């Protein structure tokens, strides 16, 4: 996605961080979660995993420099695969 950032917030208490790629965001998730990738559930503008569920999910979406969601904010299939690879990498660190 041109000129967009991938925004990540771990639950309600987290701060927004931006990433260049789904892989990089996945590594960050893998470093803080004890999940396996089979437990990742994609939802509108985010994912659920471990104790990050329901209203306390992980926000994850494409947006502008001010973290405002883009019209096509959700991750596409290729993005999702890259994210899962990143999560696996983070879990192994």
PDB file of N, CA and C in Angstrom:
ATOM      1  N   UNK A   1       0.855  -1.168   0.000  1.00  0.00           N
ATOM      2  CA  UNK A   1       0.000   0.000   0.000  1.00  0.00           C
ATOM      3  C   UNK A   1       0.898   1.228   0.000  1.00  0.00           C
ATOM      4  N   UNK A   2       0.771   2.076  -0.982  1.00  0.00           N
ATOM      5  CA  UNK A   2       1.633   3.228  -1.149  1.00  0.00           C
ATOM      6  C   UNK A   2       1.376   4.282  -0.080  1.00  0.00           C
ATOM      7  N   UNK A   3       2.471   4.814   0.486  1.00  0.00           N
ATOM      8  CA  UNK A   3       2.409   5.902   1.468  1.00  0.00           C
ATOM      9  C   UNK A   3       1.578   5.567   2.695  1.00  0.00           C
ATOM     10  N   UNK A   4       1.482   4.325   3.045  1.00  0.00           N
ATOM     11  CA  UNK A   4       0.729   3.939   4.240  1.00  0.00           C
ATOM     12  C   UNK A   4       1.674   3.262   5.222  1.00  0.00           C
ATOM     13  N   UNK A   5       1.311   3.323   6.470  1.00  0.00           N
ATOM     14  CA  UNK A   5       2.049   2.671   7.543  1.00  0.00           C
ATOM     15  C   UNK A   5       1.166   1.574   8.117  1.00  0.00           C
ATOM     16  N   UNK A   6       1.772   0.547   8.652  1.00  0.00           N
ATOM     17  CA  UNK A   6       1.024  -0.497   9.335  1.00  0.00           C
ATOM     18  C   UNK A   6       1.045  -0.167  10.823  1.00  0.00           C
ATOM     19  N   UNK A   7      -0.125   0.076  11.389  1.00  0.00           N
ATOM     20  CA  UNK A   7      -0.247   0.488  12.786  1.00  0.00           C
ATOM     21  C   UNK A   7      -0.613  -0.693  13.661  1.00  0.00           C
ATOM     22  N   UNK A   8       0.031  -0.765  14.826  1.00  0.00           N
ATOM     23  CA  UNK A   8      -0.143  -1.862  15.769  1.00  0.00           C
ATOM     24  C   UNK A   8      -0.343  -1.286  17.164  1.00  0.00           C
ATOM     25  N   UNK A   9      -1.332  -1.802  17.874  1.00  0.00           N
ATOM     26  CA  UNK A   9      -1.518  -1.480  19.293  1.00  0.00           C
ATOM     27  C   UNK A   9      -1.901  -2.763  20.002  1.00  0.00           C
ATOM     28  N   UNK A  10      -1.142  -3.105  21.020  1.00  0.00           N
ATOM     29  CA  UNK A  10      -1.371  -4.339  21.770  1.00  0.00           C
ATOM     30  C   UNK A  10      -2.395  -4.096  22.868  1.00  0.00           C
ATOM     31  N   UNK A  11      -3.650  -4.356  22.572  1.00  0.00           N
ATOM     32  CA  UNK A  11      -4.719  -4.216  23.555  1.00  0.00           C
ATOM     33  C   UNK A  11      -5.082  -2.774  23.850  1.00  0.00           C
ATOM     34  N   UNK A  12      -5.976  -2.602  24.817  1.00  0.00           N
ATOM     35  CA  UNK A  12      -6.477  -1.277  25.171  1.00  0.00           C
ATOM     36  C   UNK A  12      -5.432  -0.383  25.813  1.00  0.00           C
ATOM     37  N   UNK A  13      -4.468  -0.948  26.491  1.00  0.00           N
ATOM     38  CA  UNK A  13      -3.499  -0.161  27.248  1.00  0.00           C
ATOM     39  C   UNK A  13      -2.239   0.182  26.457  1.00  0.00           C
ATOM     40  N   UNK A  14      -2.086  -0.379  25.284  1.00  0.00           N
ATOM     41  CA  UNK A  14      -0.871  -0.158  24.507  1.00  0.00           C
ATOM     42  C   UNK A  14      -0.867   1.163  23.767  1.00  0.00           C
ATOM     43  N   UNK A  15       0.309   1.543  23.320  1.00  0.00           N
ATOM     44  CA  UNK A  15       0.473   2.717  22.476  1.00  0.00           C
ATOM     45  C   UNK A  15       0.578   2.255  21.029  1.00  0.00           C
ATOM     46  N   UNK A  16       0.171   3.114  20.107  1.00  0.00           N
ATOM     47  CA  UNK A  16       0.290   2.784  18.694  1.00  0.00           C
ATOM     48  C   UNK A  16       1.747   2.878  18.259  1.00  0.00           C
ATOM     49  N   UNK A  17       2.189   1.867  17.508  1.00  0.00           N
ATOM     50  CA  UNK A  17       3.509   1.853  16.894  1.00  0.00           C
ATOM     51  C   UNK A  17       3.306   1.580  15.413  1.00  0.00           C
ATOM     52  N   UNK A  18       4.145   2.193  14.594  1.00  0.00           N
ATOM     53  CA  UNK A  18       4.010   1.960  13.158  1.00  0.00           C
ATOM     54  C   UNK A  18       5.154   1.090  12.649  1.00  0.00           C
ATOM     55  N   UNK A  19       4.842   0.328  11.607  1.00  0.00           N
ATOM     56  CA  UNK A  19       5.779  -0.609  11.002  1.00  0.00           C
ATOM     57  C   UNK A  19       5.713  -0.475   9.486  1.00  0.00           C
ATOM     58  N   UNK A  20       6.824  -0.847   8.846  1.00  0.00           N
ATOM     59  CA  UNK A  20       6.881  -0.823   7.385  1.00  0.00           C
ATOM     60  C   UNK A  20       6.210  -2.035   6.763  1.00  0.00           C
ATOM     61  N   UNK A  21       6.295  -3.178   7.440  1.00  0.00           N
ATOM     62  CA  UNK A  21       5.807  -4.420   6.843  1.00  0.00           C
ATOM     63  C   UNK A  21       5.016  -5.248   7.855  1.00  0.00           C
ATOM     64  N   UNK A  22       4.130  -6.098   7.374  1.00  0.00           N
ATOM     65  CA  UNK A  22       3.441  -7.029   8.267  1.00  0.00           C
ATOM     66  C   UNK A  22       4.419  -7.967   8.983  1.00  0.00           C
ATOM     67  N   UNK A  23       5.491  -8.350   8.308  1.00  0.00           N
ATOM     68  CA  UNK A  23       6.494  -9.215   8.934  1.00  0.00           C
ATOM     69  C   UNK A  23       7.057  -8.555  10.191  1.00  0.00           C
ATOM     70  N   UNK A  24       7.456  -7.277  10.089  1.00  0.00           N
ATOM     71  CA  UNK A  24       8.023  -6.561  11.234  1.00  0.00           C
ATOM     72  C   UNK A  24       7.024  -6.461  12.383  1.00  0.00           C
ATOM     73  N   UNK A  25       5.765  -6.190  12.063  1.00  0.00           N
ATOM     74  CA  UNK A  25       4.726  -6.140  13.098  1.00  0.00           C
ATOM     75  C   UNK A  25       4.548  -7.518  13.724  1.00  0.00           C
ATOM     76  N   UNK A  26       4.626  -8.553  12.911  1.00  0.00           N
ATOM     77  CA  UNK A  26       4.499  -9.915  13.418  1.00  0.00           C
ATOM     78  C   UNK A  26       5.601 -10.278  14.393  1.00  0.00           C
ATOM     79  N   UNK A  27       6.826  -9.862  14.093  1.00  0.00           N
ATOM     80  CA  UNK A  27       7.930 -10.122  15.019  1.00  0.00           C
ATOM     81  C   UNK A  27       7.633  -9.471  16.364  1.00  0.00           C
ATOM     82  N   UNK A  28       7.160  -8.244  16.356  1.00  0.00           N
ATOM     83  CA  UNK A  28       6.808  -7.542  17.598  1.00  0.00           C
ATOM     84  C   UNK A  28       5.742  -8.311  18.378  1.00  0.00           C
ATOM     85  N   UNK A  29       4.723  -8.789  17.689  1.00  0.00           N
ATOM     86  CA  UNK A  29       3.667  -9.566  18.350  1.00  0.00           C
ATOM     87  C   UNK A  29       4.250 -10.849  18.935  1.00  0.00           C
ATOM     88  N   UNK A  30       5.086 -11.528  18.166  1.00  0.00           N
ATOM     89  CA  UNK A  30       5.692 -12.768  18.630  1.00  0.00           C
ATOM     90  C   UNK A  30       6.577 -12.584  19.851  1.00  0.00           C
ATOM     91  N   UNK A  31       7.188 -11.415  19.982  1.00  0.00           N
ATOM     92  CA  UNK A  31       8.051 -11.152  21.131  1.00  0.00           C
ATOM     93  C   UNK A  31       7.264 -10.996  22.428  1.00  0.00           C
ATOM     94  N   UNK A  32       6.001 -10.558  22.337  1.00  0.00           N
ATOM     95  CA  UNK A  32       5.220 -10.311  23.561  1.00  0.00           C
ATOM     96  C   UNK A  32       4.141 -11.357  23.814  1.00  0.00           C
ATOM     97  N   UNK A  33       3.799 -12.139  22.830  1.00  0.00           N
ATOM     98  CA  UNK A  33       2.752 -13.150  22.985  1.00  0.00           C
ATOM     99  C   UNK A  33       3.365 -14.539  23.080  1.00  0.00           C
ATOM    100  N   UNK A  34       2.633 -15.428  23.699  1.00  0.00           N
ATOM    101  CA  UNK A  34       3.086 -16.817  23.800  1.00  0.00           C
ATOM    102  C   UNK A  34       2.229 -17.728  22.933  1.00  0.00           C
ATOM    103  N   UNK A  35       1.706 -17.176  21.873  1.00  0.00           N
ATOM    104  CA  UNK A  35       0.770 -17.890  21.007  1.00  0.00           C
ATOM    105  C   UNK A  35       1.510 -18.725  19.976  1.00  0.00           C
ATOM    106  N   UNK A  36       0.750 -19.542  19.267  1.00  0.00           N
ATOM    107  CA  UNK A  36       1.270 -20.090  18.025  1.00  0.00           C
ATOM    108  C   UNK A  36       0.379 -19.540  16.921  1.00  0.00           C
ATOM    109  N   UNK A  37       0.876 -19.576  15.718  1.00  0.00           N
ATOM    110  CA  UNK A  37       0.159 -18.910  14.633  1.00  0.00           C
ATOM    111  C   UNK A  37      -1.196 -19.527  14.335  1.00  0.00           C
ATOM    112  N   UNK A  38      -1.426 -20.766  14.744  1.00  0.00           N
ATOM    113  CA  UNK A  38      -2.737 -21.389  14.535  1.00  0.00           C
ATOM    114  C   UNK A  38      -3.805 -20.733  15.403  1.00  0.00           C
ATOM    115  N   UNK A  39      -3.392 -20.009  16.446  1.00  0.00           N
ATOM    116  CA  UNK A  39      -4.336 -19.360  17.354  1.00  0.00           C
ATOM    117  C   UNK A  39      -4.693 -17.937  16.934  1.00  0.00           C
ATOM    118  N   UNK A  40      -4.075 -17.421  15.885  1.00  0.00           N
ATOM    119  CA  UNK A  40      -4.342 -16.056  15.430  1.00  0.00           C
ATOM    120  C   UNK A  40      -5.685 -16.012  14.717  1.00  0.00           C
ATOM    121  N   UNK A  41      -6.557 -15.134  15.168  1.00  0.00           N
ATOM    122  CA  UNK A  41      -7.864 -14.937  14.550  1.00  0.00           C
ATOM    123  C   UNK A  41      -7.929 -13.517  13.992  1.00  0.00           C
ATOM    124  N   UNK A  42      -8.078 -13.401  12.686  1.00  0.00           N
ATOM    125  CA  UNK A  42      -8.146 -12.088  12.050  1.00  0.00           C
ATOM    126  C   UNK A  42      -9.543 -11.511  12.209  1.00  0.00           C
ATOM    127  N   UNK A  43      -9.613 -10.207  12.415  1.00  0.00           N
ATOM    128  CA  UNK A  43     -10.879  -9.496  12.538  1.00  0.00           C
ATOM    129  C   UNK A  43     -10.727  -8.143  11.862  1.00  0.00           C
ATOM    130  N   UNK A  44     -11.783  -7.372  11.841  1.00  0.00           N
ATOM    131  CA  UNK A  44     -11.734  -6.054  11.215  1.00  0.00           C
ATOM    132  C   UNK A  44     -10.690  -5.190  11.912  1.00  0.00           C
ATOM    133  N   UNK A  45      -9.700  -4.762  11.170  1.00  0.00           N
ATOM    134  CA  UNK A  45      -8.623  -3.896  11.644  1.00  0.00           C
ATOM    135  C   UNK A  45      -7.868  -4.458  12.840  1.00  0.00           C
ATOM    136  N   UNK A  46      -7.662  -5.781  12.857  1.00  0.00           N
ATOM    137  CA  UNK A  46      -6.878  -6.336  13.946  1.00  0.00           C
ATOM    138  C   UNK A  46      -6.879  -7.846  13.994  1.00  0.00           C
ATOM    139  N   UNK A  47      -6.328  -8.351  15.100  1.00  0.00           N
ATOM    140  CA  UNK A  47      -6.284  -9.788  15.349  1.00  0.00           C
ATOM    141  C   UNK A  47      -6.600 -10.053  16.822  1.00  0.00           C
ATOM    142  N   UNK A  48      -6.992 -11.285  17.091  1.00  0.00           N
ATOM    143  CA  UNK A  48      -7.161 -11.761  18.461  1.00  0.00           C
ATOM    144  C   UNK A  48      -6.208 -12.925  18.669  1.00  0.00           C
ATOM    145  N   UNK A  49      -5.548 -12.938  19.811  1.00  0.00           N
ATOM    146  CA  UNK A  49      -4.614 -14.000  20.165  1.00  0.00           C
ATOM    147  C   UNK A  49      -4.340 -13.917  21.664  1.00  0.00           C
ATOM    148  N   UNK A  50      -4.013 -15.060  22.271  1.00  0.00           N
ATOM    149  CA  UNK A  50      -3.730 -15.106  23.707  1.00  0.00           C
ATOM    150  C   UNK A  50      -4.811 -14.377  24.495  1.00  0.00           C
ATOM    151  N   UNK A  51      -4.394 -13.483  25.370  1.00  0.00           N
ATOM    152  CA  UNK A  51      -5.352 -12.728  26.176  1.00  0.00           C
ATOM    153  C   UNK A  51      -5.785 -11.424  25.506  1.00  0.00           C
ATOM    154  N   UNK A  52      -5.361 -11.187  24.281  1.00  0.00           N
ATOM    155  CA  UNK A  52      -5.804 -10.026  23.509  1.00  0.00           C
ATOM    156  C   UNK A  52      -7.036 -10.422  22.696  1.00  0.00           C
ATOM    157  N   UNK A  53      -8.194 -10.451  23.354  1.00  0.00           N
ATOM    158  CA  UNK A  53      -9.435 -10.898  22.722  1.00  0.00           C
ATOM    159  C   UNK A  53     -10.557  -9.911  22.993  1.00  0.00           C
ATOM    160  N   UNK A  54     -11.648 -10.086  22.307  1.00  0.00           N
ATOM    161  CA  UNK A  54     -12.857  -9.276  22.452  1.00  0.00           C
ATOM    162  C   UNK A  54     -12.516  -7.799  22.279  1.00  0.00           C
ATOM    163  N   UNK A  55     -12.882  -6.948  23.235  1.00  0.00           N
ATOM    164  CA  UNK A  55     -12.601  -5.514  23.114  1.00  0.00           C
ATOM    165  C   UNK A  55     -11.140  -5.175  23.390  1.00  0.00           C
ATOM    166  N   UNK A  56     -10.363  -6.128  23.863  1.00  0.00           N
ATOM    167  CA  UNK A  56      -8.949  -5.921  24.168  1.00  0.00           C
ATOM    168  C   UNK A  56      -8.072  -6.590  23.104  1.00  0.00           C
ATOM    169  N   UNK A  57      -8.504  -6.534  21.849  1.00  0.00           N
ATOM    170  CA  UNK A  57      -7.775  -7.191  20.763  1.00  0.00           C
ATOM    171  C   UNK A  57      -6.556  -6.364  20.344  1.00  0.00           C
ATOM    172  N   UNK A  58      -5.746  -6.915  19.456  1.00  0.00           N
ATOM    173  CA  UNK A  58      -4.592  -6.210  18.911  1.00  0.00           C
ATOM    174  C   UNK A  58      -5.037  -5.452  17.668  1.00  0.00           C
ATOM    175  N   UNK A  59      -4.964  -4.129  17.731  1.00  0.00           N
ATOM    176  CA  UNK A  59      -5.261  -3.312  16.554  1.00  0.00           C
ATOM    177  C   UNK A  59      -4.124  -3.478  15.562  1.00  0.00           C
ATOM    178  N   UNK A  60      -4.455  -3.686  14.318  1.00  0.00           N
ATOM    179  CA  UNK A  60      -3.455  -3.889  13.278  1.00  0.00           C
ATOM    180  C   UNK A  60      -4.089  -3.517  11.949  1.00  0.00           C
ATOM    181  N   UNK A  61      -3.663  -2.393  11.384  1.00  0.00           N
ATOM    182  CA  UNK A  61      -4.294  -1.910  10.155  1.00  0.00           C
ATOM    183  C   UNK A  61      -3.368  -0.951   9.419  1.00  0.00           C
ATOM    184  N   UNK A  62      -3.641  -0.789   8.130  1.00  0.00           N
ATOM    185  CA  UNK A  62      -2.935   0.186   7.309  1.00  0.00           C
ATOM    186  C   UNK A  62      -3.571   1.547   7.529  1.00  0.00           C
ATOM    187  N   UNK A  63      -2.719   2.571   7.688  1.00  0.00           N
ATOM    188  CA  UNK A  63      -3.242   3.911   7.895  1.00  0.00           C
ATOM    189  C   UNK A  63      -2.242   4.980   7.480  1.00  0.00           C
ATOM    190  N   UNK A  64      -2.651   6.228   7.694  1.00  0.00           N
ATOM    191  CA  UNK A  64      -1.794   7.353   7.326  1.00  0.00           C
ATOM    192  C   UNK A  64      -0.800   7.659   8.451  1.00  0.00           C
ATOM    193  N   UNK A  65      -0.058   8.750   8.296  1.00  0.00           N
ATOM    194  CA  UNK A  65       0.960   9.111   9.278  1.00  0.00           C
ATOM    195  C   UNK A  65       0.380   9.440  10.650  1.00  0.00           C
ATOM    196  N   UNK A  66      -0.905   9.752  10.719  1.00  0.00           N
ATOM    197  CA  UNK A  66      -1.573  10.080  11.983  1.00  0.00           C
ATOM    198  C   UNK A  66      -2.350   8.897  12.552  1.00  0.00           C
ATOM    199  N   UNK A  67      -2.107   7.714  12.049  1.00  0.00           N
ATOM    200  CA  UNK A  67      -2.751   6.469  12.497  1.00  0.00           C
ATOM    201  C   UNK A  67      -4.240   6.413  12.186  1.00  0.00           C
ATOM    202  N   UNK A  68      -4.685   7.193  11.220  1.00  0.00           N
ATOM    203  CA  UNK A  68      -6.075   7.112  10.784  1.00  0.00           C
ATOM    204  C   UNK A  68      -6.187   5.999   9.750  1.00  0.00           C
ATOM    205  N   UNK A  69      -7.140   5.087   9.915  1.00  0.00           N
ATOM    206  CA  UNK A  69      -7.254   3.954   8.995  1.00  0.00           C
ATOM    207  C   UNK A  69      -7.479   4.378   7.544  1.00  0.00           C
ATOM    208  N   UNK A  70      -6.832   3.673   6.642  1.00  0.00           N
ATOM    209  CA  UNK A  70      -7.039   3.877   5.210  1.00  0.00           C
ATOM    210  C   UNK A  70      -8.357   3.229   4.800  1.00  0.00           C
ATOM    211  N   UNK A  71      -8.828   3.558   3.606  1.00  0.00           N
ATOM    212  CA  UNK A  71     -10.069   2.956   3.112  1.00  0.00           C
ATOM    213  C   UNK A  71      -9.958   1.440   3.028  1.00  0.00           C
ATOM    214  N   UNK A  72      -8.795   0.953   2.645  1.00  0.00           N
ATOM    215  CA  UNK A  72      -8.552  -0.489   2.578  1.00  0.00           C
ATOM    216  C   UNK A  72      -7.575  -0.867   3.694  1.00  0.00           C
ATOM    217  N   UNK A  73      -8.008  -0.639   4.932  1.00  0.00           N
ATOM    218  CA  UNK A  73      -7.144  -0.746   6.109  1.00  0.00           C
ATOM    219  C   UNK A  73      -6.776  -2.173   6.485  1.00  0.00           C
ATOM    220  N   UNK A  74      -7.626  -3.131   6.187  1.00  0.00           N
ATOM    221  CA  UNK A  74      -7.381  -4.511   6.617  1.00  0.00           C
ATOM    222  C   UNK A  74      -6.255  -5.157   5.825  1.00  0.00           C
ATOM    223  N   UNK A  75      -5.611  -6.118   6.429  1.00  0.00           N
ATOM    224  CA  UNK A  75      -4.533  -6.844   5.784  1.00  0.00           C
ATOM    225  C   UNK A  75      -5.094  -7.778   4.717  1.00  0.00           C
ATOM    226  N   UNK A  76      -4.432  -7.801   3.556  1.00  0.00           N
ATOM    227  CA  UNK A  76      -4.846  -8.742   2.517  1.00  0.00           C
ATOM    228  C   UNK A  76      -4.201 -10.104   2.792  1.00  0.00           C
ATOM    229  N   UNK A  77      -4.448 -11.064   1.945  1.00  0.00           N
ATOM    230  CA  UNK A  77      -3.961 -12.432   2.184  1.00  0.00           C
ATOM    231  C   UNK A  77      -2.440 -12.494   2.244  1.00  0.00           C
ATOM    232  N   UNK A  78      -1.768 -11.787   1.366  1.00  0.00           N
ATOM    233  CA  UNK A  78      -0.308 -11.763   1.375  1.00  0.00           C
ATOM    234  C   UNK A  78       0.219 -11.138   2.667  1.00  0.00           C
ATOM    235  N   UNK A  79      -0.410 -10.033   3.101  1.00  0.00           N
ATOM    236  CA  UNK A  79      -0.030  -9.394   4.364  1.00  0.00           C
ATOM    237  C   UNK A  79      -0.191 -10.358   5.532  1.00  0.00           C
ATOM    238  N   UNK A  80      -1.278 -11.108   5.527  1.00  0.00           N
ATOM    239  CA  UNK A  80      -1.548 -12.047   6.623  1.00  0.00           C
ATOM    240  C   UNK A  80      -0.471 -13.121   6.703  1.00  0.00           C
ATOM    241  N   UNK A  81      -0.061 -13.639   5.559  1.00  0.00           N
ATOM    242  CA  UNK A  81       0.992 -14.657   5.550  1.00  0.00           C
ATOM    243  C   UNK A  81       2.304 -14.090   6.075  1.00  0.00           C
ATOM    244  N   UNK A  82       2.658 -12.873   5.643  1.00  0.00           N
ATOM    245  CA  UNK A  82       3.879 -12.228   6.128  1.00  0.00           C
ATOM    246  C   UNK A  82       3.813 -11.997   7.633  1.00  0.00           C
ATOM    247  N   UNK A  83       2.644 -11.610   8.134  1.00  0.00           N
ATOM    248  CA  UNK A  83       2.459 -11.395   9.568  1.00  0.00           C
ATOM    249  C   UNK A  83       2.702 -12.687  10.342  1.00  0.00           C
ATOM    250  N   UNK A  84       2.129 -13.782   9.865  1.00  0.00           N
ATOM    251  CA  UNK A  84       2.285 -15.065  10.551  1.00  0.00           C
ATOM    252  C   UNK A  84       3.742 -15.523  10.568  1.00  0.00           C
ATOM    253  N   UNK A  85       4.463 -15.297   9.480  1.00  0.00           N
ATOM    254  CA  UNK A  85       5.892 -15.630   9.444  1.00  0.00           C
ATOM    255  C   UNK A  85       6.643 -14.781  10.468  1.00  0.00           C
ATOM    256  N   UNK A  86       6.295 -13.502  10.566  1.00  0.00           N
ATOM    257  CA  UNK A  86       6.931 -12.628  11.550  1.00  0.00           C
ATOM    258  C   UNK A  86       6.643 -13.059  12.975  1.00  0.00           C
ATOM    259  N   UNK A  87       5.408 -13.468  13.251  1.00  0.00           N
ATOM    260  CA  UNK A  87       5.066 -13.940  14.599  1.00  0.00           C
ATOM    261  C   UNK A  87       5.922 -15.151  14.958  1.00  0.00           C
ATOM    262  N   UNK A  88       6.054 -16.091  14.019  1.00  0.00           N
ATOM    263  CA  UNK A  88       6.894 -17.271  14.275  1.00  0.00           C
ATOM    264  C   UNK A  88       8.329 -16.859  14.585  1.00  0.00           C
ATOM    265  N   UNK A  89       8.843 -15.907  13.836  1.00  0.00           N
ATOM    266  CA  UNK A  89      10.214 -15.433  14.059  1.00  0.00           C
ATOM    267  C   UNK A  89      10.342 -14.800  15.446  1.00  0.00           C
ATOM    268  N   UNK A  90       9.379 -13.969  15.822  1.00  0.00           N
ATOM    269  CA  UNK A  90       9.411 -13.341  17.139  1.00  0.00           C
ATOM    270  C   UNK A  90       9.337 -14.347  18.268  1.00  0.00           C
ATOM    271  N   UNK A  91       8.545 -15.385  18.088  1.00  0.00           N
ATOM    272  CA  UNK A  91       8.435 -16.427  19.113  1.00  0.00           C
ATOM    273  C   UNK A  91       9.749 -17.173  19.310  1.00  0.00           C
ATOM    274  N   UNK A  92      10.557 -17.241  18.260  1.00  0.00           N
ATOM    275  CA  UNK A  92      11.820 -17.978  18.324  1.00  0.00           C
ATOM    276  C   UNK A  92      12.986 -17.140  18.834  1.00  0.00           C
ATOM    277  N   UNK A  93      12.747 -15.875  19.123  1.00  0.00           N
ATOM    278  CA  UNK A  93      13.842 -15.010  19.608  1.00  0.00           C
ATOM    279  C   UNK A  93      13.914 -15.001  21.108  1.00  0.00           C
TER     280      UNK A  93
END
